[in-house]
C-alpha atoms as a PDB file:
ATOM      1  CA  MET A   1      -0.057   0.128   0.290  1.00  0.00           C
ATOM      2  CA  LEU A   2       1.268   3.642  -0.717  1.00  0.00           C
ATOM      3  CA  HIS A   3      -0.586   7.144   0.083  1.00  0.00           C
ATOM      4  CA  HIS A   4      -1.490   9.329  -2.804  1.00  0.00           C
ATOM      5  CA  PHE A   5      -1.880  13.055  -2.212  1.00  0.00           C
ATOM      6  CA  GLU A   6      -5.453  14.133  -2.986  1.00  0.00           C
ATOM      7  CA  PRO A   7      -5.099  18.044  -3.786  1.00  0.00           C
ATOM      8  CA  SER A   8      -9.072  18.217  -4.292  1.00  0.00           C
ATOM      9  CA  SER A   9      -9.727  17.324  -0.746  1.00  0.00           C
ATOM     10  CA  GLY A  10      -6.697  17.728   1.176  1.00  0.00           C
ATOM     11  CA  THR A  11      -6.105  14.287   2.464  1.00  0.00           C
ATOM     12  CA  TRP A  12      -3.685  11.234   1.581  1.00  0.00           C
ATOM     13  CA  MET A  13      -5.888   8.393  -0.536  1.00  0.00           C
ATOM     14  CA  MET A  14      -4.022   4.626  -0.301  1.00  0.00           C
ATOM     15  CA  ARG A  15      -3.730   3.032  -3.011  1.00  0.00           C
ATOM     16  CA  GLN A  16      -2.190  -0.643  -4.171  1.00  0.00           C
ATOM     17  CA  ASP A  17       1.392  -1.170  -5.380  1.00  0.00           C
ATOM     18  CA  LYS A  18       3.663  -3.774  -5.800  1.00  0.00           C
ATOM     19  CA  THR A  19       6.107  -2.247  -3.606  1.00  0.00           C
ATOM     20  CA  ASP A  20       5.649  -3.427   0.301  1.00  0.00           C
ATOM     21  CA  ASN A  21       6.137  -1.137   3.223  1.00  0.00           C
ATOM     22  CA  LEU A  22       6.364  -3.859   5.753  1.00  0.00           C
ATOM     23  CA  ILE A  23       8.575  -2.728   8.812  1.00  0.00           C
ATOM     24  CA  ALA A  24      11.041  -6.058   9.357  1.00  0.00           C
ATOM     25  CA  ARG A  25      10.686  -7.807  12.886  1.00  0.00           C
ATOM     26  CA  THR A  26      14.531  -7.983  13.755  1.00  0.00           C
ATOM     27  CA  PRO A  27      16.330  -7.307  16.965  1.00  0.00           C
ATOM     28  CA  GLY A  28      16.682  -3.714  18.038  1.00  0.00           C
ATOM     29  CA  THR A  29      15.248  -1.232  17.434  1.00  0.00           C
ATOM     30  CA  SER A  30      11.414  -1.140  19.114  1.00  0.00           C
ATOM     31  CA  LEU A  31       8.823  -1.275  15.785  1.00  0.00           C
ATOM     32  CA  HIS A  32       6.488   2.018  16.992  1.00  0.00           C
ATOM     33  CA  ARG A  33      10.184   3.865  17.065  1.00  0.00           C
ATOM     34  CA  GLN A  34      11.105   2.210  13.584  1.00  0.00           C
ATOM     35  CA  LEU A  35       7.705   3.394  12.432  1.00  0.00           C
ATOM     36  CA  PHE A  36       8.080   7.002  14.413  1.00  0.00           C
ATOM     37  CA  VAL A  37      11.263   7.329  12.457  1.00  0.00           C
ATOM     38  CA  ILE A  38       9.829   6.736   8.996  1.00  0.00           C
ATOM     39  CA  MET A  39       7.031   8.752   9.253  1.00  0.00           C
ATOM     40  CA  ARG A  40       9.069  11.462  10.922  1.00  0.00           C
ATOM     41  CA  ASP A  41      10.900  11.124   7.651  1.00  0.00           C
ATOM     42  CA  GLN A  42       7.938  10.893   5.112  1.00  0.00           C
ATOM     43  CA  ILE A  43       7.049  14.532   7.008  1.00  0.00           C
ATOM     44  CA  LEU A  44       9.816  16.369   6.919  1.00  0.00           C
ATOM     45  CA  ARG A  45      10.325  15.636   3.168  1.00  0.00           C
ATOM     46  CA  GLY A  46       7.193  16.909   2.618  1.00  0.00           C
ATOM     47  CA  LEU A  47       5.211  13.702   1.879  1.00  0.00           C
ATOM     48  CA  TYR A  48       2.618  14.537   4.398  1.00  0.00           C
ATOM     49  CA  GLN A  49       2.049  18.126   3.883  1.00  0.00           C
ATOM     50  CA  PRO A  50       1.048  20.421   6.570  1.00  0.00           C
ATOM     51  CA  GLY A  51      -2.118  21.053   7.589  1.00  0.00           C
ATOM     52  CA  THR A  52      -3.175  17.651   5.771  1.00  0.00           C
ATOM     53  CA  SER A  53      -4.838  14.897   7.408  1.00  0.00           C
ATOM     54  CA  ILE A  54      -2.122  10.846   8.018  1.00  0.00           C
ATOM     55  CA  PRO A  55      -4.093   8.146   6.903  1.00  0.00           C
ATOM     56  CA  ASN A  56      -6.411   6.653   9.651  1.00  0.00           C
ATOM     57  CA  GLU A  57      -5.071   4.033  12.270  1.00  0.00           C
ATOM     58  CA  GLU A  58      -6.585   1.283   9.964  1.00  0.00           C
ATOM     59  CA  ALA A  59      -4.879   2.359   7.181  1.00  0.00           C
ATOM     60  CA  LEU A  60      -1.405   2.749   8.945  1.00  0.00           C
ATOM     61  CA  CYS A  61      -1.767  -1.144  10.246  1.00  0.00           C
ATOM     62  CA  ALA A  62      -2.084  -2.030   6.715  1.00  0.00           C
ATOM     63  CA  GLU A  63       0.468  -0.416   5.120  1.00  0.00           C
ATOM     64  CA  PHE A  64       3.285  -0.915   7.366  1.00  0.00           C
ATOM     65  CA  GLY A  65       2.330  -4.578   8.759  1.00  0.00           C
ATOM     66  CA  VAL A  66       1.972  -3.423  12.333  1.00  0.00           C
ATOM     67  CA  SER A  67      -0.967  -3.338  15.607  1.00  0.00           C
ATOM     68  CA  ARG A  68      -2.828  -0.491  16.340  1.00  0.00           C
ATOM     69  CA  ILE A  69      -1.063  -0.079  19.368  1.00  0.00           C
ATOM     70  CA  THR A  70       2.274   0.126  17.750  1.00  0.00           C
ATOM     71  CA  VAL A  71       0.472   2.921  15.220  1.00  0.00           C
ATOM     72  CA  ARG A  72      -1.060   4.791  18.122  1.00  0.00           C
ATOM     73  CA  ARG A  73       2.234   4.549  20.511  1.00  0.00           C
ATOM     74  CA  ALA A  74       4.217   5.959  16.782  1.00  0.00           C
ATOM     75  CA  VAL A  75       1.526   8.869  16.546  1.00  0.00           C
ATOM     76  CA  ALA A  76       1.967  10.332  19.874  1.00  0.00           C
ATOM     77  CA  ASP A  77       5.534  10.128  19.862  1.00  0.00           C
ATOM     78  CA  LEU A  78       4.726  12.242  16.630  1.00  0.00           C
ATOM     79  CA  GLU A  79       2.468  14.196  18.733  1.00  0.00           C
ATOM     80  CA  SER A  80       4.799  14.649  21.268  1.00  0.00           C
ATOM     81  CA  SER A  81       7.423  16.355  18.810  1.00  0.00           C
ATOM     82  CA  GLY A  82       5.373  18.662  17.578  1.00  0.00           C
ATOM     83  CA  LEU A  83       5.263  17.340  13.799  1.00  0.00           C
ATOM     84  CA  LEU A  84       1.338  15.867  13.962  1.00  0.00           C
ATOM     85  CA  ILE A  85      -1.757  17.541  15.798  1.00  0.00           C
ATOM     86  CA  LYS A  86      -4.684  15.689  17.008  1.00  0.00           C
ATOM     87  CA  ARG A  87      -8.453  17.279  16.380  1.00  0.00           C
ATOM     88  CA  HIS A  88     -11.164  15.758  17.751  1.00  0.00           C
ATOM     89  CA  GLY A  89     -13.832  13.828  15.763  1.00  0.00           C
ATOM     90  CA  ARG A  90     -11.708  14.904  12.738  1.00  0.00           C
ATOM     91  CA  GLY A  91      -8.712  12.853  12.828  1.00  0.00           C
ATOM     92  CA  THR A  92      -5.135  13.962  12.926  1.00  0.00           C
ATOM     93  CA  PHE A  93      -3.413  16.283  11.009  1.00  0.00           C
ATOM     94  CA  VAL A  94       0.575  17.506  10.332  1.00  0.00           C
ATOM     95  CA  SER A  95       1.339  20.715  12.258  1.00  0.00           C
ATOM     96  CA  ASP A  96       1.707  23.611  10.607  1.00  0.00           C
ATOM     97  CA  GLU A  97       4.401  24.734  11.832  1.00  0.00           C
ATOM     98  CA  LEU A  98       6.910  22.163  10.776  1.00  0.00           C
ATOM     99  CA  PRO A  99      11.003  22.461  11.401  1.00  0.00           C
ATOM    100  CA  PRO A 100      12.564  24.154   8.563  1.00  0.00           C
ATOM    101  CA  ALA A 101      13.401  22.039   5.611  1.00  0.00           C
ATOM    102  CA  ARG A 102      17.063  21.282   5.036  1.00  0.00           C
ATOM    103  CA  PRO A 103      18.770  23.016   2.030  1.00  0.00           C
ATOM    104  CA  SER A 104      19.286  21.232  -0.523  1.00  0.00           C
ATOM    105  CA  ALA A 105      23.465  20.776  -1.832  1.00  0.00           C
ATOM    106  CA  THR A 106      24.975  23.800  -3.481  1.00  0.00           C
ATOM    107  CA  LEU A 107      27.788  25.784  -3.934  1.00  0.00           C
ATOM    108  CA  GLY A 108      26.278  28.406  -1.544  1.00  0.00           C
ATOM    109  CA  LEU A 109      25.186  25.673   1.449  1.00  0.00           C
ATOM    110  CA  LEU A 110      28.694  24.598   1.428  1.00  0.00           C
ATOM    111  CA  ASP A 111      30.396  28.010   1.481  1.00  0.00           C
ATOM    112  CA  SER A 112      27.661  28.513   4.454  1.00  0.00           C
ATOM    113  CA  LEU A 113      28.303  25.710   6.235  1.00  0.00           C
ATOM    114  CA  ARG A 114      32.446  26.774   6.365  1.00  0.00           C
ATOM    115  CA  LYS A 115      31.582  29.853   7.627  1.00  0.00           C
ATOM    116  CA  SER A 116      29.308  28.349  10.575  1.00  0.00           C
ATOM    117  CA  ALA A 117      32.019  25.316  11.297  1.00  0.00           C
ATOM    118  CA  SER A 118      33.771  27.202  14.043  1.00  0.00           C
ATOM    119  CA  GLU A 119      30.599  27.490  15.576  1.00  0.00           C
ATOM    120  CA  THR A 120      30.506  23.835  17.860  1.00  0.00           C
ATOM    121  CA  GLU A 121      32.186  23.520  20.572  1.00  0.00           C
ATOM    122  CA  ALA A 122      34.304  21.083  21.546  1.00  0.00           C
ATOM    123  CA  GLU A 123      34.769  19.011  24.586  1.00  0.00           C
ATOM    124  CA  VAL A 124      37.548  16.370  24.854  1.00  0.00           C
ATOM    125  CA  LEU A 125      36.214  13.159  26.511  1.00  0.00           C
ATOM    126  CA  SER A 126      39.084  11.325  26.946  1.00  0.00           C
ATOM    127  CA  VAL A 127      42.969  11.237  26.042  1.00  0.00           C
ATOM    128  CA  GLU A 128      44.981   8.335  26.745  1.00  0.00           C
ATOM    129  CA  THR A 129      47.591   5.749  25.728  1.00  0.00           C
ATOM    130  CA  ALA A 130      46.458   2.436  24.782  1.00  0.00           C
ATOM    131  CA  GLU A 131      46.595  -0.750  22.492  1.00  0.00           C
ATOM    132  CA  PRO A 132      44.252  -0.213  19.646  1.00  0.00           C
ATOM    133  CA  PRO A 133      41.791  -2.877  18.583  1.00  0.00           C
ATOM    134  CA  ALA A 134      43.099  -5.184  15.866  1.00  0.00           C
ATOM    135  CA  ASP A 135      41.518  -4.394  12.641  1.00  0.00           C
ATOM    136  CA  ILE A 136      42.361  -0.119  13.648  1.00  0.00           C
ATOM    137  CA  ALA A 137      46.289  -1.098  14.460  1.00  0.00           C
ATOM    138  CA  ARG A 138      46.037  -3.246  10.861  1.00  0.00           C
ATOM    139  CA  GLN A 139      45.294  -0.257   9.212  1.00  0.00           C
ATOM    140  CA  LEU A 140      48.112   1.673  11.043  1.00  0.00           C
ATOM    141  CA  ASP A 141      50.518  -0.484  10.588  1.00  0.00           C
ATOM    142  CA  LEU A 142      50.720  -1.052  14.069  1.00  0.00           C
ATOM    143  CA  VAL A 143      51.785  -4.816  15.254  1.00  0.00           C
ATOM    144  CA  ALA A 144      49.933  -6.284  17.952  1.00  0.00           C
ATOM    145  CA  GLY A 145      50.718  -5.074  21.780  1.00  0.00           C
ATOM    146  CA  VAL A 146      52.092  -1.601  19.838  1.00  0.00           C
ATOM    147  CA  PRO A 147      50.203   1.355  21.853  1.00  0.00           C
ATOM    148  CA  ALA A 148      48.723   4.740  20.434  1.00  0.00           C
ATOM    149  CA  VAL A 149      47.435   7.605  21.366  1.00  0.00           C
ATOM    150  CA  HIS A 150      43.084   7.431  21.616  1.00  0.00           C
ATOM    151  CA  ALA A 151      41.439  10.789  21.626  1.00  0.00           C
ATOM    152  CA  VAL A 152      37.613  11.040  22.564  1.00  0.00           C
ATOM    153  CA  ARG A 153      35.990  14.444  21.953  1.00  0.00           C
ATOM    154  CA  LEU A 154      32.496  15.488  21.891  1.00  0.00           C
ATOM    155  CA  ARG A 155      31.285  18.155  19.412  1.00  0.00           C
ATOM    156  CA  ARG A 156      28.206  20.962  20.462  1.00  0.00           C
ATOM    157  CA  ARG A 157      26.165  23.068  18.611  1.00  0.00           C
ATOM    158  CA  GLY A 158      24.746  25.229  21.293  1.00  0.00           C
ATOM    159  CA  ARG A 159      23.578  22.781  23.577  1.00  0.00           C
ATOM    160  CA  THR A 160      23.001  20.176  21.391  1.00  0.00           C
ATOM    161  CA  PRO A 161      25.072  17.531  20.946  1.00  0.00           C
ATOM    162  CA  VAL A 162      26.096  16.542  16.835  1.00  0.00           C
ATOM    163  CA  MET A 163      29.113  14.605  16.592  1.00  0.00           C
ATOM    164  CA  VAL A 164      31.472  12.202  18.786  1.00  0.00           C
ATOM    165  CA  THR A 165      35.065  11.370  16.799  1.00  0.00           C
ATOM    166  CA  GLU A 166      37.084   9.380  17.907  1.00  0.00           C
ATOM    167  CA  ALA A 167      41.150   8.918  16.741  1.00  0.00           C
ATOM    168  CA  TRP A 168      43.859   7.028  17.268  1.00  0.00           C
ATOM    169  CA  VAL A 169      47.754   8.190  16.259  1.00  0.00           C
ATOM    170  CA  PRO A 170      50.547   6.019  16.608  1.00  0.00           C
ATOM    171  CA  GLU A 171      52.927   7.301  19.174  1.00  0.00           C
ATOM    172  CA  ALA A 172      55.446   8.535  16.460  1.00  0.00           C
ATOM    173  CA  PHE A 173      53.199  11.049  15.432  1.00  0.00           C
ATOM    174  CA  ALA A 174      51.690  12.112  18.488  1.00  0.00           C
ATOM    175  CA  ARG A 175      53.975  14.072  20.597  1.00  0.00           C
ATOM    176  CA  GLY A 176      51.701  16.954  20.771  1.00  0.00           C
ATOM    177  CA  VAL A 177      48.714  15.197  21.223  1.00  0.00           C
ATOM    178  CA  THR A 178      47.372  16.407  24.451  1.00  0.00           C
ATOM    179  CA  ARG A 179      43.932  16.917  25.989  1.00  0.00           C
ATOM    180  CA  ARG A 180      45.149  20.851  26.377  1.00  0.00           C
ATOM    181  CA  GLU A 181      45.894  20.822  22.451  1.00  0.00           C
ATOM    182  CA  LEU A 182      42.718  19.328  21.553  1.00  0.00           C
ATOM    183  CA  GLN A 183      40.048  21.581  23.629  1.00  0.00           C
ATOM    184  CA  LYS A 184      42.005  24.632  21.304  1.00  0.00           C
ATOM    185  CA  ARG A 185      42.296  23.152  18.173  1.00  0.00           C
ATOM    186  CA  ALA A 186      41.381  19.998  15.399  1.00  0.00           C
ATOM    187  CA  LEU A 187      44.205  17.252  15.882  1.00  0.00           C
ATOM    188  CA  TYR A 188      44.955  17.538  11.915  1.00  0.00           C
ATOM    189  CA  GLU A 189      45.903  20.958  12.746  1.00  0.00           C
ATOM    190  CA  ILE A 190      48.242  19.906  15.709  1.00  0.00           C
ATOM    191  CA  LEU A 191      49.629  17.102  13.311  1.00  0.00           C
ATOM    192  CA  ILE A 192      50.388  19.870  10.813  1.00  0.00           C
ATOM    193  CA  ALA A 193      52.165  21.833  13.451  1.00  0.00           C
ATOM    194  CA  GLN A 194      54.909  19.212  14.725  1.00  0.00           C
ATOM    195  CA  GLY A 195      55.682  18.914  10.671  1.00  0.00           C
ATOM    196  CA  ILE A 196      53.408  16.271   9.783  1.00  0.00           C
ATOM    197  CA  HIS A 197      52.626  16.585   5.791  1.00  0.00           C
ATOM    198  CA  PHE A 198      49.376  14.838   4.786  1.00  0.00           C
ATOM    199  CA  GLY A 199      49.355  13.094   1.155  1.00  0.00           C
ATOM    200  CA  ARG A 200      45.877  11.311   0.945  1.00  0.00           C
ATOM    201  CA  VAL A 201      42.968  10.110   2.615  1.00  0.00           C
ATOM    202  CA  VAL A 202      40.736   7.284   1.976  1.00  0.00           C
ATOM    203  CA  GLN A 203      36.752   7.334   3.567  1.00  0.00           C
ATOM    204  CA  GLU A 204      34.444   4.914   4.215  1.00  0.00           C
ATOM    205  CA  ILE A 205      30.832   5.547   4.946  1.00  0.00           C
ATOM    206  CA  THR A 206      28.100   3.545   6.197  1.00  0.00           C
ATOM    207  CA  ALA A 207      25.304   2.950   8.652  1.00  0.00           C
ATOM    208  CA  VAL A 208      25.463   1.564  12.516  1.00  0.00           C
ATOM    209  CA  ALA A 209      23.688   1.172  15.652  1.00  0.00           C
ATOM    210  CA  ALA A 210      23.724   3.268  18.299  1.00  0.00           C
ATOM    211  CA  SER A 211      25.767   1.843  21.145  1.00  0.00           C
ATOM    212  CA  PRO A 212      24.962   2.711  24.926  1.00  0.00           C
ATOM    213  CA  PHE A 213      28.230   5.418  24.779  1.00  0.00           C
ATOM    214  CA  TYR A 214      27.003   7.085  21.583  1.00  0.00           C
ATOM    215  CA  ALA A 215      23.784   7.199  22.043  1.00  0.00           C
ATOM    216  CA  LYS A 216      24.272   8.811  25.503  1.00  0.00           C
ATOM    217  CA  GLN A 217      26.621  11.108  23.792  1.00  0.00           C
ATOM    218  CA  LEU A 218      24.716  11.965  21.046  1.00  0.00           C
ATOM    219  CA  ASN A 219      21.064  11.783  23.075  1.00  0.00           C
ATOM    220  CA  ALA A 220      19.740   9.261  20.940  1.00  0.00           C
ATOM    221  CA  GLU A 221      18.035   6.316  21.457  1.00  0.00           C
ATOM    222  CA  LEU A 222      20.029   2.932  22.190  1.00  0.00           C
ATOM    223  CA  ALA A 223      20.526   1.032  18.419  1.00  0.00           C
ATOM    224  CA  SER A 224      18.852   3.684  16.386  1.00  0.00           C
ATOM    225  CA  PRO A 225      20.777   4.646  13.408  1.00  0.00           C
ATOM    226  CA  LEU A 226      23.870   6.814  13.322  1.00  0.00           C
ATOM    227  CA  VAL A 227      25.756   7.640   9.826  1.00  0.00           C
ATOM    228  CA  ARG A 228      29.293   6.448  11.206  1.00  0.00           C
ATOM    229  CA  ILE A 229      32.648   8.195   8.452  1.00  0.00           C
ATOM    230  CA  THR A 230      35.618   6.464   8.798  1.00  0.00           C
ATOM    231  CA  ARG A 231      38.944   8.309   7.589  1.00  0.00           C
ATOM    232  CA  LEU A 232      42.302   6.774   7.900  1.00  0.00           C
ATOM    233  CA  LEU A 233      45.389  10.215   6.799  1.00  0.00           C
ATOM    234  CA  TYR A 234      48.351   9.105   5.427  1.00  0.00           C
ATOM    235  CA  ASP A 235      51.430  11.590   5.317  1.00  0.00           C
ATOM    236  CA  ALA A 236      53.555  12.193   2.378  1.00  0.00           C
ATOM    237  CA  HIS A 237      55.496   9.209   2.725  1.00  0.00           C
ATOM    238  CA  ARG A 238      52.216   6.801   2.611  1.00  0.00           C
ATOM    239  CA  ARG A 239      52.548   5.914   6.248  1.00  0.00           C
ATOM    240  CA  PRO A 240      49.124   6.130   7.951  1.00  0.00           C
ATOM    241  CA  VAL A 241      49.342   8.614  10.961  1.00  0.00           C
ATOM    242  CA  GLN A 242      45.942   8.958  12.179  1.00  0.00           C
ATOM    243  CA  HIS A 243      42.550   6.906  11.836  1.00  0.00           C
ATOM    244  CA  LEU A 244      39.546   9.238  13.033  1.00  0.00           C
ATOM    245  CA  THR A 245      36.101   7.465  12.987  1.00  0.00           C
ATOM    246  CA  ILE A 246      32.713  10.210  12.933  1.00  0.00           C
ATOM    247  CA  HIS A 247      29.444   9.337  14.852  1.00  0.00           C
ATOM    248  CA  ILE A 248      26.750  11.449  13.747  1.00  0.00           C
ATOM    249  CA  ALA A 249      22.606  11.350  14.245  1.00  0.00           C
ATOM    250  CA  PRO A 250      21.530  11.819  10.673  1.00  0.00           C
ATOM    251  CA  GLU A 251      18.507  13.409  12.394  1.00  0.00           C
ATOM    252  CA  ARG A 252      20.724  16.189  12.646  1.00  0.00           C
ATOM    253  CA  SER A 253      23.860  16.472  10.666  1.00  0.00           C
ATOM    254  CA  ARG A 254      24.672  15.369   7.460  1.00  0.00           C
ATOM    255  CA  LEU A 255      27.744  14.725   5.051  1.00  0.00           C
ATOM    256  CA  LEU A 256      28.186  16.547   1.945  1.00  0.00           C
ATOM    257  CA  MET A 257      30.813  16.580  -0.388  1.00  0.00           C
ATOM    258  CA  ASP A 258      32.862  18.885  -3.083  1.00  0.00           C
ATOM    259  CA  VAL A 259      33.981  16.641  -5.770  1.00  0.00           C
ATOM    260  CA  SER A 260      35.635  18.662  -9.317  1.00  0.00           C
ATOM    261  CA  ILE A 261      34.160  17.397 -12.205  1.00  0.00           C
ATOM    262  CA  GLU A 262      37.688  16.175 -13.196  1.00  0.00           C
ATOM    263  CA  THR A 263      37.145  13.663 -10.684  1.00  0.00           C
ATOM    264  CA  VAL A 264      33.504  12.771 -10.437  1.00  0.00           C
ATOM    265  CA  ASN A 265      33.944   9.318 -12.560  1.00  0.00           C
ATOM    266  CA  THR A 266      36.890   8.307  -9.780  1.00  0.00           C
ATOM    267  CA  LEU A 267      37.461   6.701  -6.767  1.00  0.00           C
ATOM    268  CA  ALA A 268      38.405   9.976  -5.242  1.00  0.00           C
ATOM    269  CA  ALA A 269      34.375  11.154  -5.738  1.00  0.00           C
ATOM    270  CA  GLY A 270      33.825   7.927  -3.657  1.00  0.00           C
ATOM    271  CA  SER A 271      32.533   4.185  -4.998  1.00  0.00           C
ATOM    272  CA  ILE A 272      30.279   1.713  -3.616  1.00  0.00           C
ATOM    273  CA  PHE A 273      31.410  -1.941  -2.629  1.00  0.00           C
ATOM    274  CA  HIS A 274      29.015  -4.470  -1.351  1.00  0.00           C
ATOM    275  CA  ASP A 275      30.279  -6.852   1.249  1.00  0.00           C
ATOM    276  CA  ILE A 276      28.577  -9.464   0.238  1.00  0.00           C
ATOM    277  CA  GLU A 277      29.365 -12.892  -1.545  1.00  0.00           C
ATOM    278  CA  ARG A 278      28.561 -13.562  -4.996  1.00  0.00           C
ATOM    279  CA  ASP A 279      25.820 -16.311  -5.459  1.00  0.00           C
ATOM    280  CA  SER A 280      26.934 -19.403  -6.631  1.00  0.00           C
ATOM    281  CA  GLN A 281      26.324 -20.485 -10.257  1.00  0.00           C
ATOM    282  CA  LYS A 282      23.880 -23.333 -10.218  1.00  0.00           C
END
């Protein structure tokens, strides 16, 4: 089932479609939370227009394959968030006062984001020398048991947490990486100041479920979806000097890239890899 907006009546009409929106019953986030996230996204993207009614409980149950209790809990959360308004005897309507829509990616937007980058404030959560996890040690070309400097920071915009960064730097490159310095400037600036010249960066972007630590720091629900950005920075001699992971909540933040036309069809612009084995030929 999909819903089609009917301008003449100002409501959403249900129609049959081959696409199935049933919510998967897998371990993790509760069904009502999944439905809340889906409908919140639909509302904020304009699929449900301000002032229009949303489908009734029966239609939502049929569309997503969930119970009335699940629908009611999700709708109640959307009301509490100010996205929906229940009008007695008439139904539930999208609020006329929605948050402003996210602007599309443009050069003007990128310029404004660069100007506002300094508006976030960093809090150093920890700085320690420790043995990195095996996968990170391999990427940094460290043998088992060799320690590195581990730094974790939380960035806020105003009172809202927006990003957690976690960096590992081999001890040979981490002389100036201290809590005091990290409170004042970015890690890459500290490394440049001590003579490191960066050569290239390999970056990976994926989605993960919020662990208890990241859920707490980002004020997100446990197991809710987060965007994880992993960067491996090399110096001019092709030595890995920093492993960085960034976690952001997608409803608050997004990653934009400015790619030159010369590199748009190259690895520099990014490639998608599928971690799935090929189906064996029958």
